[in-house]
Every structure is written in C-alpha cells, then in structure tokens.
Amino acid sequence: MREDEPRQRVVRVPGSRRARLTPVPGTDTEPEAAVPGAEEAPSAPASGPKGPNDDRLRQDVPPHY
C-alpha cells in the first residue's frame, strides 16, 4: 500500500466496547436490502435423503447458548 492512498481510520464510539472503521473511499456503505419474501435466516439445503436423526440434530442447541 502506498502512503498517498486513503486508509480506513479506527474511530472510538463513546459508550461502546467496540470501535468502528471509517468507510473506504469508493465503497458502498449502505447495507444490502432484504429480499421481499425471503426467510430471516435461510437454512442449508438438504444434500440427500432425510435420516432418522435429522429433525433432532436440527433442533439441538449447543450447550453454550
């Protein structure tokens, strides 16, 4: 990276534990819009026939949740 190129800067956010980065010139800072009718969290597509434990495994929650 050359010294004359603009860089992102770390900006402290008052009252927050995290800092934020300034946008890079030439990038889109708007979040992507949700697709109407799409699920909130799309699930992974099935990759084969359904097994006897599939439903249980999809409902299990790791112990740290």
PDB file of N, CA and C in Angstrom:
ATOM      1  N   MET A   1       0.847  -1.170   0.000  1.00  0.00           N
ATOM      2  CA  MET A   1       0.000   0.000   0.000  1.00  0.00           C
ATOM      3  C   MET A   1       0.889   1.228   0.000  1.00  0.00           C
ATOM      4  N   ARG A   2       0.523   2.167  -0.852  1.00  0.00           N
ATOM      5  CA  ARG A   2       1.303   3.393  -0.926  1.00  0.00           C
ATOM      6  C   ARG A   2       0.842   4.361   0.147  1.00  0.00           C
ATOM      7  N   GLU A   3       1.721   5.279   0.508  1.00  0.00           N
ATOM      8  CA  GLU A   3       1.397   6.235   1.569  1.00  0.00           C
ATOM      9  C   GLU A   3       0.370   7.271   1.146  1.00  0.00           C
ATOM     10  N   ASP A   4       0.251   7.561  -0.162  1.00  0.00           N
ATOM     11  CA  ASP A   4      -0.690   8.584  -0.612  1.00  0.00           C
ATOM     12  C   ASP A   4      -2.115   8.062  -0.795  1.00  0.00           C
ATOM     13  N   GLU A   5      -2.347   6.756  -0.626  1.00  0.00           N
ATOM     14  CA  GLU A   5      -3.684   6.194  -0.746  1.00  0.00           C
ATOM     15  C   GLU A   5      -4.459   6.425   0.550  1.00  0.00           C
ATOM     16  N   PRO A   6      -5.759   6.776   0.440  1.00  0.00           N
ATOM     17  CA  PRO A   6      -6.558   6.958   1.660  1.00  0.00           C
ATOM     18  C   PRO A   6      -6.736   5.625   2.387  1.00  0.00           C
ATOM     19  N   ARG A   7      -6.776   5.704   3.702  1.00  0.00           N
ATOM     20  CA  ARG A   7      -6.918   4.498   4.517  1.00  0.00           C
ATOM     21  C   ARG A   7      -8.100   4.628   5.437  1.00  0.00           C
ATOM     22  N   GLN A   8      -8.543   3.487   5.922  1.00  0.00           N
ATOM     23  CA  GLN A   8      -9.584   3.498   6.943  1.00  0.00           C
ATOM     24  C   GLN A   8      -8.968   3.947   8.252  1.00  0.00           C
ATOM     25  N   ARG A   9      -9.782   4.577   9.062  1.00  0.00           N
ATOM     26  CA  ARG A   9      -9.355   5.004  10.392  1.00  0.00           C
ATOM     27  C   ARG A   9     -10.225   4.312  11.432  1.00  0.00           C
ATOM     28  N   VAL A  10      -9.645   4.057  12.589  1.00  0.00           N
ATOM     29  CA  VAL A  10     -10.389   3.485  13.706  1.00  0.00           C
ATOM     30  C   VAL A  10     -10.961   4.649  14.504  1.00  0.00           C
ATOM     31  N   VAL A  11     -12.285   4.621  14.725  1.00  0.00           N
ATOM     32  CA  VAL A  11     -12.961   5.688  15.445  1.00  0.00           C
ATOM     33  C   VAL A  11     -13.567   5.101  16.708  1.00  0.00           C
ATOM     34  N   ARG A  12     -13.259   5.713  17.834  1.00  0.00           N
ATOM     35  CA  ARG A  12     -13.854   5.256  19.089  1.00  0.00           C
ATOM     36  C   ARG A  12     -15.304   5.696  19.161  1.00  0.00           C
ATOM     37  N   VAL A  13     -16.155   4.809  19.673  1.00  0.00           N
ATOM     38  CA  VAL A  13     -17.571   5.102  19.827  1.00  0.00           C
ATOM     39  C   VAL A  13     -17.840   5.264  21.318  1.00  0.00           C
ATOM     40  N   PRO A  14     -18.233   6.466  21.744  1.00  0.00           N
ATOM     41  CA  PRO A  14     -18.476   6.682  23.174  1.00  0.00           C
ATOM     42  C   PRO A  14     -19.559   5.746  23.711  1.00  0.00           C
ATOM     43  N   GLY A  15     -19.298   5.144  24.851  1.00  0.00           N
ATOM     44  CA  GLY A  15     -20.266   4.254  25.479  1.00  0.00           C
ATOM     45  C   GLY A  15     -20.309   2.861  24.884  1.00  0.00           C
ATOM     46  N   SER A  16     -19.412   2.542  23.974  1.00  0.00           N
ATOM     47  CA  SER A  16     -19.403   1.225  23.342  1.00  0.00           C
ATOM     48  C   SER A  16     -18.061   0.549  23.592  1.00  0.00           C
ATOM     49  N   ARG A  17     -18.090  -0.760  23.641  1.00  0.00           N
ATOM     50  CA  ARG A  17     -16.855  -1.514  23.820  1.00  0.00           C
ATOM     51  C   ARG A  17     -16.105  -1.681  22.511  1.00  0.00           C
ATOM     52  N   ARG A  18     -16.802  -1.479  21.395  1.00  0.00           N
ATOM     53  CA  ARG A  18     -16.198  -1.679  20.089  1.00  0.00           C
ATOM     54  C   ARG A  18     -15.960  -0.348  19.393  1.00  0.00           C
ATOM     55  N   ALA A  19     -14.933  -0.325  18.599  1.00  0.00           N
ATOM     56  CA  ALA A  19     -14.659   0.830  17.757  1.00  0.00           C
ATOM     57  C   ALA A  19     -15.263   0.553  16.388  1.00  0.00           C
ATOM     58  N   ARG A  20     -15.282   1.554  15.523  1.00  0.00           N
ATOM     59  CA  ARG A  20     -15.762   1.335  14.159  1.00  0.00           C
ATOM     60  C   ARG A  20     -14.719   1.862  13.193  1.00  0.00           C
ATOM     61  N   LEU A  21     -14.799   1.393  11.965  1.00  0.00           N
ATOM     62  CA  LEU A  21     -13.887   1.839  10.922  1.00  0.00           C
ATOM     63  C   LEU A  21     -14.599   2.835  10.022  1.00  0.00           C
ATOM     64  N   THR A  22     -13.856   3.826   9.566  1.00  0.00           N
ATOM     65  CA  THR A  22     -14.427   4.753   8.601  1.00  0.00           C
ATOM     66  C   THR A  22     -14.546   4.040   7.261  1.00  0.00           C
ATOM     67  N   PRO A  23     -15.485   4.450   6.409  1.00  0.00           N
ATOM     68  CA  PRO A  23     -15.638   3.784   5.112  1.00  0.00           C
ATOM     69  C   PRO A  23     -14.448   4.060   4.195  1.00  0.00           C
ATOM     70  N   VAL A  24     -14.169   3.108   3.346  1.00  0.00           N
ATOM     71  CA  VAL A  24     -13.108   3.263   2.357  1.00  0.00           C
ATOM     72  C   VAL A  24     -13.681   4.048   1.183  1.00  0.00           C
ATOM     73  N   PRO A  25     -12.955   5.038   0.672  1.00  0.00           N
ATOM     74  CA  PRO A  25     -13.461   5.785  -0.477  1.00  0.00           C
ATOM     75  C   PRO A  25     -13.759   4.855  -1.655  1.00  0.00           C
ATOM     76  N   GLY A  26     -14.922   5.061  -2.269  1.00  0.00           N
ATOM     77  CA  GLY A  26     -15.309   4.249  -3.412  1.00  0.00           C
ATOM     78  C   GLY A  26     -16.108   3.016  -3.066  1.00  0.00           C
ATOM     79  N   THR A  27     -16.460   2.822  -1.788  1.00  0.00           N
ATOM     80  CA  THR A  27     -17.256   1.662  -1.404  1.00  0.00           C
ATOM     81  C   THR A  27     -18.673   2.095  -1.050  1.00  0.00           C
ATOM     82  N   ASP A  28     -19.609   1.162  -1.101  1.00  0.00           N
ATOM     83  CA  ASP A  28     -21.000   1.411  -0.758  1.00  0.00           C
ATOM     84  C   ASP A  28     -21.175   1.127   0.723  1.00  0.00           C
ATOM     85  N   THR A  29     -21.588   2.122   1.486  1.00  0.00           N
ATOM     86  CA  THR A  29     -21.728   1.944   2.935  1.00  0.00           C
ATOM     87  C   THR A  29     -23.140   1.554   3.355  1.00  0.00           C
ATOM     88  N   GLU A  30     -24.085   1.513   2.402  1.00  0.00           N
ATOM     89  CA  GLU A  30     -25.452   1.126   2.727  1.00  0.00           C
ATOM     90  C   GLU A  30     -25.551  -0.395   2.840  1.00  0.00           C
ATOM     91  N   PRO A  31     -26.246  -0.909   3.868  1.00  0.00           N
ATOM     92  CA  PRO A  31     -26.418  -2.358   3.968  1.00  0.00           C
ATOM     93  C   PRO A  31     -27.304  -2.867   2.840  1.00  0.00           C
ATOM     94  N   GLU A  32     -27.132  -4.115   2.498  1.00  0.00           N
ATOM     95  CA  GLU A  32     -27.955  -4.699   1.442  1.00  0.00           C
ATOM     96  C   GLU A  32     -29.389  -4.833   1.922  1.00  0.00           C
ATOM     97  N   ALA A  33     -30.321  -4.527   1.053  1.00  0.00           N
ATOM     98  CA  ALA A  33     -31.734  -4.624   1.394  1.00  0.00           C
ATOM     99  C   ALA A  33     -32.154  -6.093   1.390  1.00  0.00           C
ATOM    100  N   ALA A  34     -33.063  -6.421   2.285  1.00  0.00           N
ATOM    101  CA  ALA A  34     -33.572  -7.787   2.345  1.00  0.00           C
ATOM    102  C   ALA A  34     -34.444  -8.057   1.128  1.00  0.00           C
ATOM    103  N   VAL A  35     -34.427  -9.264   0.671  1.00  0.00           N
ATOM    104  CA  VAL A  35     -35.258  -9.658  -0.461  1.00  0.00           C
ATOM    105  C   VAL A  35     -36.669  -9.903   0.056  1.00  0.00           C
ATOM    106  N   PRO A  36     -37.677  -9.247  -0.525  1.00  0.00           N
ATOM    107  CA  PRO A  36     -39.053  -9.464  -0.049  1.00  0.00           C
ATOM    108  C   PRO A  36     -39.455 -10.936  -0.161  1.00  0.00           C
ATOM    109  N   GLY A  37     -40.039 -11.469   0.919  1.00  0.00           N
ATOM    110  CA  GLY A  37     -40.496 -12.850   0.921  1.00  0.00           C
ATOM    111  C   GLY A  37     -39.421 -13.855   1.301  1.00  0.00           C
ATOM    112  N   ALA A  38     -38.188 -13.389   1.521  1.00  0.00           N
ATOM    113  CA  ALA A  38     -37.117 -14.315   1.903  1.00  0.00           C
ATOM    114  C   ALA A  38     -37.180 -14.588   3.403  1.00  0.00           C
ATOM    115  N   GLU A  39     -36.668 -15.738   3.796  1.00  0.00           N
ATOM    116  CA  GLU A  39     -36.627 -16.094   5.218  1.00  0.00           C
ATOM    117  C   GLU A  39     -35.622 -15.212   5.934  1.00  0.00           C
ATOM    118  N   GLU A  40     -35.787 -15.062   7.247  1.00  0.00           N
ATOM    119  CA  GLU A  40     -34.832 -14.301   8.052  1.00  0.00           C
ATOM    120  C   GLU A  40     -33.448 -14.944   8.025  1.00  0.00           C
ATOM    121  N   ALA A  41     -33.396 -16.227   8.321  1.00  0.00           N
ATOM    122  CA  ALA A  41     -32.136 -16.971   8.317  1.00  0.00           C
ATOM    123  C   ALA A  41     -32.313 -18.192   7.423  1.00  0.00           C
ATOM    124  N   PRO A  42     -31.831 -18.131   6.203  1.00  0.00           N
ATOM    125  CA  PRO A  42     -32.029 -19.288   5.317  1.00  0.00           C
ATOM    126  C   PRO A  42     -31.286 -20.510   5.844  1.00  0.00           C
ATOM    127  N   SER A  43     -31.951 -21.650   5.772  1.00  0.00           N
ATOM    128  CA  SER A  43     -31.324 -22.888   6.232  1.00  0.00           C
ATOM    129  C   SER A  43     -30.560 -23.518   5.072  1.00  0.00           C
ATOM    130  N   ALA A  44     -29.628 -24.359   5.422  1.00  0.00           N
ATOM    131  CA  ALA A  44     -28.831 -25.033   4.396  1.00  0.00           C
ATOM    132  C   ALA A  44     -29.716 -26.022   3.636  1.00  0.00           C
ATOM    133  N   PRO A  45     -29.537 -26.110   2.346  1.00  0.00           N
ATOM    134  CA  PRO A  45     -30.363 -27.053   1.575  1.00  0.00           C
ATOM    135  C   PRO A  45     -30.019 -28.493   1.927  1.00  0.00           C
ATOM    136  N   ALA A  46     -31.007 -29.351   1.831  1.00  0.00           N
ATOM    137  CA  ALA A  46     -30.789 -30.764   2.103  1.00  0.00           C
ATOM    138  C   ALA A  46     -29.887 -31.344   1.019  1.00  0.00           C
ATOM    139  N   SER A  47     -28.945 -32.156   1.424  1.00  0.00           N
ATOM    140  CA  SER A  47     -27.994 -32.690   0.449  1.00  0.00           C
ATOM    141  C   SER A  47     -28.190 -34.181   0.211  1.00  0.00           C
ATOM    142  N   GLY A  48     -29.290 -34.722   0.640  1.00  0.00           N
ATOM    143  CA  GLY A  48     -29.546 -36.143   0.434  1.00  0.00           C
ATOM    144  C   GLY A  48     -30.839 -36.555   1.096  1.00  0.00           C
ATOM    145  N   PRO A  49     -31.083 -37.847   1.171  1.00  0.00           N
ATOM    146  CA  PRO A  49     -32.318 -38.307   1.814  1.00  0.00           C
ATOM    147  C   PRO A  49     -32.305 -37.999   3.315  1.00  0.00           C
ATOM    148  N   LYS A  50     -33.481 -37.802   3.863  1.00  0.00           N
ATOM    149  CA  LYS A  50     -33.621 -37.471   5.278  1.00  0.00           C
ATOM    150  C   LYS A  50     -33.374 -38.705   6.134  1.00  0.00           C
ATOM    151  N   GLY A  51     -32.509 -38.553   7.130  1.00  0.00           N
ATOM    152  CA  GLY A  51     -32.190 -39.657   8.022  1.00  0.00           C
ATOM    153  C   GLY A  51     -33.045 -39.634   9.273  1.00  0.00           C
ATOM    154  N   PRO A  52     -32.951 -40.673  10.110  1.00  0.00           N
ATOM    155  CA  PRO A  52     -33.809 -40.768  11.289  1.00  0.00           C
ATOM    156  C   PRO A  52     -33.507 -39.712  12.353  1.00  0.00           C
ATOM    157  N   ASN A  53     -32.282 -39.161  12.405  1.00  0.00           N
ATOM    158  CA  ASN A  53     -31.921 -38.193  13.444  1.00  0.00           C
ATOM    159  C   ASN A  53     -31.882 -36.751  12.938  1.00  0.00           C
ATOM    160  N   ASP A  54     -32.223 -36.505  11.686  1.00  0.00           N
ATOM    161  CA  ASP A  54     -32.107 -35.163  11.120  1.00  0.00           C
ATOM    162  C   ASP A  54     -32.925 -34.124  11.890  1.00  0.00           C
ATOM    163  N   ASP A  55     -34.173 -34.429  12.204  1.00  0.00           N
ATOM    164  CA  ASP A  55     -35.008 -33.460  12.917  1.00  0.00           C
ATOM    165  C   ASP A  55     -34.419 -33.117  14.275  1.00  0.00           C
ATOM    166  N   ARG A  56     -33.953 -34.131  14.997  1.00  0.00           N
ATOM    167  CA  ARG A  56     -33.386 -33.891  16.324  1.00  0.00           C
ATOM    168  C   ARG A  56     -32.099 -33.069  16.228  1.00  0.00           C
ATOM    169  N   LEU A  57     -31.244 -33.381  15.264  1.00  0.00           N
ATOM    170  CA  LEU A  57     -29.989 -32.647  15.134  1.00  0.00           C
ATOM    171  C   LEU A  57     -30.222 -31.187  14.756  1.00  0.00           C
ATOM    172  N   ARG A  58     -31.231 -30.913  13.967  1.00  0.00           N
ATOM    173  CA  ARG A  58     -31.528 -29.531  13.584  1.00  0.00           C
ATOM    174  C   ARG A  58     -32.095 -28.725  14.751  1.00  0.00           C
ATOM    175  N   GLN A  59     -32.707 -29.400  15.736  1.00  0.00           N
ATOM    176  CA  GLN A  59     -33.284 -28.706  16.880  1.00  0.00           C
ATOM    177  C   GLN A  59     -32.318 -28.583  18.049  1.00  0.00           C
ATOM    178  N   ASP A  60     -31.254 -29.371  18.041  1.00  0.00           N
ATOM    179  CA  ASP A  60     -30.297 -29.313  19.156  1.00  0.00           C
ATOM    180  C   ASP A  60     -29.628 -27.949  19.211  1.00  0.00           C
ATOM    181  N   VAL A  61     -29.393 -27.479  20.427  1.00  0.00           N
ATOM    182  CA  VAL A  61     -28.715 -26.206  20.660  1.00  0.00           C
ATOM    183  C   VAL A  61     -27.425 -26.503  21.413  1.00  0.00           C
ATOM    184  N   PRO A  62     -26.305 -25.927  20.980  1.00  0.00           N
ATOM    185  CA  PRO A  62     -25.050 -26.169  21.708  1.00  0.00           C
ATOM    186  C   PRO A  62     -25.178 -25.736  23.169  1.00  0.00           C
ATOM    187  N   PRO A  63     -24.422 -26.351  24.062  1.00  0.00           N
ATOM    188  CA  PRO A  63     -24.564 -26.069  25.496  1.00  0.00           C
ATOM    189  C   PRO A  63     -24.227 -24.628  25.892  1.00  0.00           C
ATOM    190  N   HIS A  64     -23.481 -23.891  25.068  1.00  0.00           N
ATOM    191  CA  HIS A  64     -23.102 -22.534  25.475  1.00  0.00           C
ATOM    192  C   HIS A  64     -24.171 -21.490  25.109  1.00  0.00           C
ATOM    193  N   TYR A  65     -25.307 -21.916  24.564  1.00  0.00           N
ATOM    194  CA  TYR A  65     -26.370 -20.951  24.226  1.00  0.00           C
ATOM    195  C   TYR A  65     -27.265 -20.698  25.386  1.00  0.00           C
TER     196      TYR A  65
END
